[in-house]
Amino acid sequence: QNCHLNLDRKTGYCKGYALVEYEKRSMADDAIKKCHKEDLLGQTIGVEFAFMEGPGGGRGGSGGPRRWDGRRGGGGGGGGRGRGQGRRY
């Protein structure tokens, strides 16, 4: 569904990983099975889950991305995302 390639702010180069979001868990499982430890441009890549639920987790915010069962995680009464408390991938 979505792909996010993280870049280093100072150099502008890729940090060496990407986050890929799938609509269904079965699609993510297939990607892991097919791509983990495969060669990509001379490098062996590792493919695994970064997280299973949206980063909301009940701490406030917009509820985060959809979970594998199609519902949104978290949400609620605000707070929780002050300085230094952003999403961790």
PDB file of N, CA and C in Angstrom:
ATOM      1  N   GLN A   1       0.820  -1.173   0.000  1.00  0.00           N
ATOM      2  CA  GLN A   1       0.000   0.000   0.000  1.00  0.00           C
ATOM      3  C   GLN A   1       0.877   1.254   0.000  1.00  0.00           C
ATOM      4  N   ASN A   2       1.838   1.354   0.930  1.00  0.00           N
ATOM      5  CA  ASN A   2       2.740   2.496   1.015  1.00  0.00           C
ATOM      6  C   ASN A   2       4.171   2.019   1.211  1.00  0.00           C
ATOM      7  N   CYS A   3       5.109   2.834   0.758  1.00  0.00           N
ATOM      8  CA  CYS A   3       6.532   2.549   0.964  1.00  0.00           C
ATOM      9  C   CYS A   3       7.201   3.847   1.386  1.00  0.00           C
ATOM     10  N   HIS A   4       7.974   3.803   2.460  1.00  0.00           N
ATOM     11  CA  HIS A   4       8.680   4.980   2.944  1.00  0.00           C
ATOM     12  C   HIS A   4      10.169   4.656   3.013  1.00  0.00           C
ATOM     13  N   LEU A   5      10.957   5.404   2.270  1.00  0.00           N
ATOM     14  CA  LEU A   5      12.406   5.242   2.244  1.00  0.00           C
ATOM     15  C   LEU A   5      13.007   6.375   3.052  1.00  0.00           C
ATOM     16  N   ASN A   6      13.620   6.050   4.174  1.00  0.00           N
ATOM     17  CA  ASN A   6      14.174   7.065   5.068  1.00  0.00           C
ATOM     18  C   ASN A   6      15.527   7.549   4.593  1.00  0.00           C
ATOM     19  N   LEU A   7      15.687   8.864   4.569  1.00  0.00           N
ATOM     20  CA  LEU A   7      16.947   9.489   4.150  1.00  0.00           C
ATOM     21  C   LEU A   7      17.614  10.174   5.329  1.00  0.00           C
ATOM     22  N   ASP A   8      18.931  10.173   5.317  1.00  0.00           N
ATOM     23  CA  ASP A   8      19.706  10.886   6.322  1.00  0.00           C
ATOM     24  C   ASP A   8      19.576  12.384   6.061  1.00  0.00           C
ATOM     25  N   ARG A   9      19.248  13.163   7.068  1.00  0.00           N
ATOM     26  CA  ARG A   9      19.035  14.600   6.887  1.00  0.00           C
ATOM     27  C   ARG A   9      20.306  15.343   6.494  1.00  0.00           C
ATOM     28  N   LYS A  10      21.433  14.900   7.001  1.00  0.00           N
ATOM     29  CA  LYS A  10      22.694  15.597   6.706  1.00  0.00           C
ATOM     30  C   LYS A  10      23.245  15.263   5.329  1.00  0.00           C
ATOM     31  N   THR A  11      23.221  13.984   4.966  1.00  0.00           N
ATOM     32  CA  THR A  11      23.839  13.555   3.707  1.00  0.00           C
ATOM     33  C   THR A  11      22.854  13.449   2.553  1.00  0.00           C
ATOM     34  N   GLY A  12      21.585  13.208   2.853  1.00  0.00           N
ATOM     35  CA  GLY A  12      20.590  12.994   1.810  1.00  0.00           C
ATOM     36  C   GLY A  12      20.576  11.573   1.274  1.00  0.00           C
ATOM     37  N   TYR A  13      21.471  10.718   1.785  1.00  0.00           N
ATOM     38  CA  TYR A  13      21.523   9.326   1.345  1.00  0.00           C
ATOM     39  C   TYR A  13      20.554   8.469   2.152  1.00  0.00           C
ATOM     40  N   CYS A  14      20.173   7.351   1.563  1.00  0.00           N
ATOM     41  CA  CYS A  14      19.296   6.399   2.226  1.00  0.00           C
ATOM     42  C   CYS A  14      19.963   5.876   3.489  1.00  0.00           C
ATOM     43  N   LYS A  15      19.171   5.720   4.556  1.00  0.00           N
ATOM     44  CA  LYS A  15      19.692   5.196   5.815  1.00  0.00           C
ATOM     45  C   LYS A  15      19.934   3.685   5.758  1.00  0.00           C
ATOM     46  N   GLY A  16      19.436   3.035   4.726  1.00  0.00           N
ATOM     47  CA  GLY A  16      19.690   1.608   4.593  1.00  0.00           C
ATOM     48  C   GLY A  16      18.489   0.735   4.881  1.00  0.00           C
ATOM     49  N   TYR A  17      17.333   1.345   5.059  1.00  0.00           N
ATOM     50  CA  TYR A  17      16.131   0.555   5.274  1.00  0.00           C
ATOM     51  C   TYR A  17      14.920   1.294   4.704  1.00  0.00           C
ATOM     52  N   ALA A  18      13.859   0.555   4.517  1.00  0.00           N
ATOM     53  CA  ALA A  18      12.601   1.130   4.041  1.00  0.00           C
ATOM     54  C   ALA A  18      11.469   0.507   4.834  1.00  0.00           C
ATOM     55  N   LEU A  19      10.379   1.230   4.943  1.00  0.00           N
ATOM     56  CA  LEU A  19       9.180   0.715   5.597  1.00  0.00           C
ATOM     57  C   LEU A  19       8.109   0.528   4.529  1.00  0.00           C
ATOM     58  N   VAL A  20       7.562  -0.680   4.452  1.00  0.00           N
ATOM     59  CA  VAL A  20       6.549  -0.994   3.447  1.00  0.00           C
ATOM     60  C   VAL A  20       5.283  -1.416   4.183  1.00  0.00           C
ATOM     61  N   GLU A  21       4.173  -0.799   3.828  1.00  0.00           N
ATOM     62  CA  GLU A  21       2.883  -1.103   4.444  1.00  0.00           C
ATOM     63  C   GLU A  21       2.057  -1.931   3.470  1.00  0.00           C
ATOM     64  N   TYR A  22       1.449  -3.009   3.970  1.00  0.00           N
ATOM     65  CA  TYR A  22       0.613  -3.877   3.160  1.00  0.00           C
ATOM     66  C   TYR A  22      -0.824  -3.807   3.644  1.00  0.00           C
ATOM     67  N   GLU A  23      -1.751  -4.022   2.756  1.00  0.00           N
ATOM     68  CA  GLU A  23      -3.177  -3.992   3.080  1.00  0.00           C
ATOM     69  C   GLU A  23      -3.558  -5.173   3.976  1.00  0.00           C
ATOM     70  N   LYS A  24      -2.970  -6.349   3.706  1.00  0.00           N
ATOM     71  CA  LYS A  24      -3.308  -7.559   4.456  1.00  0.00           C
ATOM     72  C   LYS A  24      -2.042  -8.201   4.998  1.00  0.00           C
ATOM     73  N   ARG A  25      -2.177  -8.846   6.132  1.00  0.00           N
ATOM     74  CA  ARG A  25      -1.027  -9.508   6.737  1.00  0.00           C
ATOM     75  C   ARG A  25      -0.484 -10.609   5.829  1.00  0.00           C
ATOM     76  N   SER A  26      -1.365 -11.309   5.128  1.00  0.00           N
ATOM     77  CA  SER A  26      -0.917 -12.391   4.245  1.00  0.00           C
ATOM     78  C   SER A  26       0.021 -11.862   3.162  1.00  0.00           C
ATOM     79  N   MET A  27      -0.229 -10.641   2.692  1.00  0.00           N
ATOM     80  CA  MET A  27       0.652 -10.028   1.685  1.00  0.00           C
ATOM     81  C   MET A  27       2.026  -9.742   2.288  1.00  0.00           C
ATOM     82  N   ALA A  28       2.052  -9.279   3.530  1.00  0.00           N
ATOM     83  CA  ALA A  28       3.323  -9.007   4.206  1.00  0.00           C
ATOM     84  C   ALA A  28       4.086 -10.307   4.458  1.00  0.00           C
ATOM     85  N   ASP A  29       3.372 -11.337   4.889  1.00  0.00           N
ATOM     86  CA  ASP A  29       4.004 -12.643   5.112  1.00  0.00           C
ATOM     87  C   ASP A  29       4.638 -13.176   3.827  1.00  0.00           C
ATOM     88  N   ASP A  30       3.947 -13.037   2.703  1.00  0.00           N
ATOM     89  CA  ASP A  30       4.484 -13.482   1.411  1.00  0.00           C
ATOM     90  C   ASP A  30       5.750 -12.711   1.049  1.00  0.00           C
ATOM     91  N   ALA A  31       5.752 -11.395   1.280  1.00  0.00           N
ATOM     92  CA  ALA A  31       6.934 -10.578   0.978  1.00  0.00           C
ATOM     93  C   ALA A  31       8.122 -11.008   1.816  1.00  0.00           C
ATOM     94  N   ILE A  32       7.878 -11.316   3.087  1.00  0.00           N
ATOM     95  CA  ILE A  32       8.968 -11.765   3.958  1.00  0.00           C
ATOM     96  C   ILE A  32       9.527 -13.093   3.456  1.00  0.00           C
ATOM     97  N   LYS A  33       8.646 -14.036   3.133  1.00  0.00           N
ATOM     98  CA  LYS A  33       9.090 -15.352   2.665  1.00  0.00           C
ATOM     99  C   LYS A  33       9.889 -15.263   1.365  1.00  0.00           C
ATOM    100  N   LYS A  34       9.446 -14.398   0.453  1.00  0.00           N
ATOM    101  CA  LYS A  34      10.083 -14.304  -0.859  1.00  0.00           C
ATOM    102  C   LYS A  34      11.357 -13.466  -0.869  1.00  0.00           C
ATOM    103  N   CYS A  35      11.446 -12.474   0.014  1.00  0.00           N
ATOM    104  CA  CYS A  35      12.541 -11.504  -0.096  1.00  0.00           C
ATOM    105  C   CYS A  35      13.602 -11.587   0.991  1.00  0.00           C
ATOM    106  N   HIS A  36      13.301 -12.178   2.146  1.00  0.00           N
ATOM    107  CA  HIS A  36      14.277 -12.220   3.243  1.00  0.00           C
ATOM    108  C   HIS A  36      15.526 -13.000   2.821  1.00  0.00           C
ATOM    109  N   LYS A  37      16.671 -12.410   3.038  1.00  0.00           N
ATOM    110  CA  LYS A  37      17.995 -12.977   2.713  1.00  0.00           C
ATOM    111  C   LYS A  37      18.220 -13.126   1.214  1.00  0.00           C
ATOM    112  N   GLU A  38      17.514 -12.350   0.401  1.00  0.00           N
ATOM    113  CA  GLU A  38      17.738 -12.345  -1.046  1.00  0.00           C
ATOM    114  C   GLU A  38      18.788 -11.293  -1.395  1.00  0.00           C
ATOM    115  N   ASP A  39      19.370 -11.420  -2.595  1.00  0.00           N
ATOM    116  CA  ASP A  39      20.374 -10.478  -3.064  1.00  0.00           C
ATOM    117  C   ASP A  39      19.697  -9.320  -3.798  1.00  0.00           C
ATOM    118  N   LEU A  40      20.086  -8.086  -3.445  1.00  0.00           N
ATOM    119  CA  LEU A  40      19.594  -6.892  -4.119  1.00  0.00           C
ATOM    120  C   LEU A  40      20.790  -5.985  -4.377  1.00  0.00           C
ATOM    121  N   LEU A  41      21.162  -5.869  -5.636  1.00  0.00           N
ATOM    122  CA  LEU A  41      22.303  -5.027  -6.039  1.00  0.00           C
ATOM    123  C   LEU A  41      23.580  -5.388  -5.282  1.00  0.00           C
ATOM    124  N   GLY A  42      23.806  -6.682  -5.125  1.00  0.00           N
ATOM    125  CA  GLY A  42      25.029  -7.146  -4.479  1.00  0.00           C
ATOM    126  C   GLY A  42      24.991  -7.159  -2.968  1.00  0.00           C
ATOM    127  N   GLN A  43      23.852  -6.852  -2.381  1.00  0.00           N
ATOM    128  CA  GLN A  43      23.708  -6.851  -0.922  1.00  0.00           C
ATOM    129  C   GLN A  43      22.620  -7.840  -0.518  1.00  0.00           C
ATOM    130  N   THR A  44      22.841  -8.557   0.568  1.00  0.00           N
ATOM    131  CA  THR A  44      21.819  -9.444   1.107  1.00  0.00           C
ATOM    132  C   THR A  44      20.879  -8.606   1.957  1.00  0.00           C
ATOM    133  N   ILE A  45      19.586  -8.682   1.655  1.00  0.00           N
ATOM    134  CA  ILE A  45      18.620  -7.873   2.394  1.00  0.00           C
ATOM    135  C   ILE A  45      17.896  -8.705   3.440  1.00  0.00           C
ATOM    136  N   GLY A  46      17.477  -8.043   4.498  1.00  0.00           N
ATOM    137  CA  GLY A  46      16.675  -8.659   5.539  1.00  0.00           C
ATOM    138  C   GLY A  46      15.291  -8.048   5.509  1.00  0.00           C
ATOM    139  N   VAL A  47      14.267  -8.892   5.548  1.00  0.00           N
ATOM    140  CA  VAL A  47      12.891  -8.422   5.511  1.00  0.00           C
ATOM    141  C   VAL A  47      12.168  -8.998   6.720  1.00  0.00           C
ATOM    142  N   GLU A  48      11.609  -8.111   7.545  1.00  0.00           N
ATOM    143  CA  GLU A  48      10.896  -8.556   8.741  1.00  0.00           C
ATOM    144  C   GLU A  48       9.893  -7.492   9.156  1.00  0.00           C
ATOM    145  N   PHE A  49       9.048  -7.818  10.139  1.00  0.00           N
ATOM    146  CA  PHE A  49       8.058  -6.871  10.622  1.00  0.00           C
ATOM    147  C   PHE A  49       8.735  -5.784  11.450  1.00  0.00           C
ATOM    148  N   ALA A  50       8.320  -4.528  11.227  1.00  0.00           N
ATOM    149  CA  ALA A  50       8.790  -3.426  12.062  1.00  0.00           C
ATOM    150  C   ALA A  50       7.860  -3.275  13.261  1.00  0.00           C
ATOM    151  N   PHE A  51       6.556  -3.397  13.025  1.00  0.00           N
ATOM    152  CA  PHE A  51       5.563  -3.380  14.090  1.00  0.00           C
ATOM    153  C   PHE A  51       4.286  -3.985  13.563  1.00  0.00           C
ATOM    154  N   MET A  52       3.459  -4.463  14.478  1.00  0.00           N
ATOM    155  CA  MET A  52       2.234  -5.153  14.089  1.00  0.00           C
ATOM    156  C   MET A  52       1.006  -4.273  14.196  1.00  0.00           C
ATOM    157  N   GLU A  53       1.030  -3.259  15.066  1.00  0.00           N
ATOM    158  CA  GLU A  53      -0.113  -2.374  15.236  1.00  0.00           C
ATOM    159  C   GLU A  53       0.313  -0.957  14.942  1.00  0.00           C
ATOM    160  N   GLY A  54      -0.672  -0.105  14.762  1.00  0.00           N
ATOM    161  CA  GLY A  54      -0.391   1.307  14.580  1.00  0.00           C
ATOM    162  C   GLY A  54       0.285   1.872  15.805  1.00  0.00           C
ATOM    163  N   PRO A  55       1.118   2.902  15.642  1.00  0.00           N
ATOM    164  CA  PRO A  55       1.869   3.458  16.760  1.00  0.00           C
ATOM    165  C   PRO A  55       1.019   4.232  17.747  1.00  0.00           C
ATOM    166  N   GLY A  56      -0.302   4.409  17.521  1.00  0.00           N
ATOM    167  CA  GLY A  56      -1.156   5.146  18.452  1.00  0.00           C
ATOM    168  C   GLY A  56      -1.186   4.507  19.826  1.00  0.00           C
ATOM    169  N   GLY A  57      -1.507   3.220  19.870  1.00  0.00           N
ATOM    170  CA  GLY A  57      -1.426   2.445  21.098  1.00  0.00           C
ATOM    171  C   GLY A  57      -2.166   3.013  22.292  1.00  0.00           C
ATOM    172  N   GLY A  58      -3.162   3.863  22.079  1.00  0.00           N
ATOM    173  CA  GLY A  58      -3.929   4.383  23.188  1.00  0.00           C
ATOM    174  C   GLY A  58      -3.326   5.615  23.839  1.00  0.00           C
ATOM    175  N   ARG A  59      -2.212   6.141  23.324  1.00  0.00           N
ATOM    176  CA  ARG A  59      -1.547   7.289  23.934  1.00  0.00           C
ATOM    177  C   ARG A  59      -2.062   8.613  23.381  1.00  0.00           C
ATOM    178  N   GLY A  60      -3.028   8.588  22.516  1.00  0.00           N
ATOM    179  CA  GLY A  60      -3.514   9.827  21.916  1.00  0.00           C
ATOM    180  C   GLY A  60      -3.146   9.875  20.457  1.00  0.00           C
ATOM    181  N   GLY A  61      -3.373  10.990  19.829  1.00  0.00           N
ATOM    182  CA  GLY A  61      -3.048  11.132  18.419  1.00  0.00           C
ATOM    183  C   GLY A  61      -4.195  10.692  17.534  1.00  0.00           C
ATOM    184  N   SER A  62      -3.904  10.504  16.273  1.00  0.00           N
ATOM    185  CA  SER A  62      -4.951  10.236  15.295  1.00  0.00           C
ATOM    186  C   SER A  62      -5.327   8.770  15.187  1.00  0.00           C
ATOM    187  N   GLY A  63      -4.694   7.917  15.928  1.00  0.00           N
ATOM    188  CA  GLY A  63      -5.055   6.508  15.878  1.00  0.00           C
ATOM    189  C   GLY A  63      -4.113   5.653  15.067  1.00  0.00           C
ATOM    190  N   GLY A  64      -3.215   6.247  14.315  1.00  0.00           N
ATOM    191  CA  GLY A  64      -2.205   5.491  13.603  1.00  0.00           C
ATOM    192  C   GLY A  64      -2.730   4.685  12.441  1.00  0.00           C
ATOM    193  N   PRO A  65      -1.847   3.940  11.778  1.00  0.00           N
ATOM    194  CA  PRO A  65      -2.248   3.154  10.617  1.00  0.00           C
ATOM    195  C   PRO A  65      -3.149   1.984  10.996  1.00  0.00           C
ATOM    196  N   ARG A  66      -3.778   1.403   9.990  1.00  0.00           N
ATOM    197  CA  ARG A  66      -4.672   0.280  10.242  1.00  0.00           C
ATOM    198  C   ARG A  66      -3.897  -0.940  10.726  1.00  0.00           C
ATOM    199  N   ARG A  67      -4.546  -1.673  11.623  1.00  0.00           N
ATOM    200  CA  ARG A  67      -3.958  -2.913  12.088  1.00  0.00           C
ATOM    201  C   ARG A  67      -4.317  -4.016  11.109  1.00  0.00           C
ATOM    202  N   TRP A  68      -3.790  -5.217  11.341  1.00  0.00           N
ATOM    203  CA  TRP A  68      -4.021  -6.333  10.418  1.00  0.00           C
ATOM    204  C   TRP A  68      -5.482  -6.729  10.359  1.00  0.00           C
ATOM    205  N   ASP A  69      -6.263  -6.439  11.401  1.00  0.00           N
ATOM    206  CA  ASP A  69      -7.677  -6.806  11.368  1.00  0.00           C
ATOM    207  C   ASP A  69      -8.540  -5.701  10.772  1.00  0.00           C
ATOM    208  N   GLY A  70      -7.919  -4.636  10.233  1.00  0.00           N
ATOM    209  CA  GLY A  70      -8.647  -3.589   9.545  1.00  0.00           C
ATOM    210  C   GLY A  70      -9.091  -2.436  10.429  1.00  0.00           C
ATOM    211  N   ARG A  71      -8.985  -2.585  11.757  1.00  0.00           N
ATOM    212  CA  ARG A  71      -9.379  -1.502  12.661  1.00  0.00           C
ATOM    213  C   ARG A  71      -8.201  -0.561  12.864  1.00  0.00           C
ATOM    214  N   ARG A  72      -8.478   0.633  13.330  1.00  0.00           N
ATOM    215  CA  ARG A  72      -7.403   1.568  13.656  1.00  0.00           C
ATOM    216  C   ARG A  72      -7.023   1.387  15.119  1.00  0.00           C
ATOM    217  N   GLY A  73      -5.723   1.463  15.400  1.00  0.00           N
ATOM    218  CA  GLY A  73      -5.248   1.313  16.766  1.00  0.00           C
ATOM    219  C   GLY A  73      -5.169   2.656  17.463  1.00  0.00           C
ATOM    220  N   GLY A  74      -5.207   2.641  18.775  1.00  0.00           N
ATOM    221  CA  GLY A  74      -4.962   3.844  19.562  1.00  0.00           C
ATOM    222  C   GLY A  74      -6.044   4.889  19.456  1.00  0.00           C
ATOM    223  N   GLY A  75      -5.604   6.124  19.374  1.00  0.00           N
ATOM    224  CA  GLY A  75      -6.540   7.239  19.344  1.00  0.00           C
ATOM    225  C   GLY A  75      -6.910   7.650  20.758  1.00  0.00           C
ATOM    226  N   GLY A  76      -7.688   8.700  20.861  1.00  0.00           N
ATOM    227  CA  GLY A  76      -8.174   9.039  22.181  1.00  0.00           C
ATOM    228  C   GLY A  76      -7.819  10.424  22.625  1.00  0.00           C
ATOM    229  N   GLY A  77      -7.533  10.548  23.914  1.00  0.00           N
ATOM    230  CA  GLY A  77      -7.527  11.830  24.597  1.00  0.00           C
ATOM    231  C   GLY A  77      -6.297  12.696  24.472  1.00  0.00           C
ATOM    232  N   GLY A  78      -5.587  12.666  23.377  1.00  0.00           N
ATOM    233  CA  GLY A  78      -4.474  13.591  23.180  1.00  0.00           C
ATOM    234  C   GLY A  78      -3.250  13.246  24.003  1.00  0.00           C
ATOM    235  N   GLY A  79      -2.261  14.120  23.959  1.00  0.00           N
ATOM    236  CA  GLY A  79      -1.046  13.942  24.749  1.00  0.00           C
ATOM    237  C   GLY A  79      -0.136  12.871  24.201  1.00  0.00           C
ATOM    238  N   GLY A  80       0.973  12.657  24.871  1.00  0.00           N
ATOM    239  CA  GLY A  80       1.870  11.557  24.566  1.00  0.00           C
ATOM    240  C   GLY A  80       2.911  11.807  23.500  1.00  0.00           C
ATOM    241  N   ARG A  81       2.794  12.824  22.689  1.00  0.00           N
ATOM    242  CA  ARG A  81       3.760  13.001  21.608  1.00  0.00           C
ATOM    243  C   ARG A  81       4.514  14.319  21.746  1.00  0.00           C
ATOM    244  N   GLY A  82       5.052  14.559  22.905  1.00  0.00           N
ATOM    245  CA  GLY A  82       5.855  15.756  23.097  1.00  0.00           C
ATOM    246  C   GLY A  82       7.209  15.594  22.436  1.00  0.00           C
ATOM    247  N   ARG A  83       8.111  16.490  22.696  1.00  0.00           N
ATOM    248  CA  ARG A  83       9.440  16.441  22.101  1.00  0.00           C
ATOM    249  C   ARG A  83      10.139  15.136  22.466  1.00  0.00           C
ATOM    250  N   GLY A  84      10.684  14.480  21.455  1.00  0.00           N
ATOM    251  CA  GLY A  84      11.425  13.242  21.696  1.00  0.00           C
ATOM    252  C   GLY A  84      10.542  12.012  21.847  1.00  0.00           C
ATOM    253  N   GLN A  85       9.244  12.141  21.656  1.00  0.00           N
ATOM    254  CA  GLN A  85       8.360  11.001  21.838  1.00  0.00           C
ATOM    255  C   GLN A  85       7.690  10.614  20.530  1.00  0.00           C
ATOM    256  N   GLY A  86       8.340  10.829  19.419  1.00  0.00           N
ATOM    257  CA  GLY A  86       7.762  10.515  18.120  1.00  0.00           C
ATOM    258  C   GLY A  86       7.707   9.035  17.858  1.00  0.00           C
ATOM    259  N   ARG A  87       7.288   8.684  16.668  1.00  0.00           N
ATOM    260  CA  ARG A  87       7.189   7.278  16.293  1.00  0.00           C
ATOM    261  C   ARG A  87       8.573   6.652  16.185  1.00  0.00           C
ATOM    262  N   ARG A  88       8.655   5.414  16.585  1.00  0.00           N
ATOM    263  CA  ARG A  88       9.909   4.679  16.459  1.00  0.00           C
ATOM    264  C   ARG A  88       9.692   3.496  15.553  1.00  0.00           C
ATOM    265  N   TYR A  89      10.497   3.400  14.519  1.00  0.00           N
ATOM    266  CA  TYR A  89      10.372   2.311  13.562  1.00  0.00           C
ATOM    267  C   TYR A  89      11.522   1.424  13.743  1.00  0.00           C
TER     268      TYR A  89
END
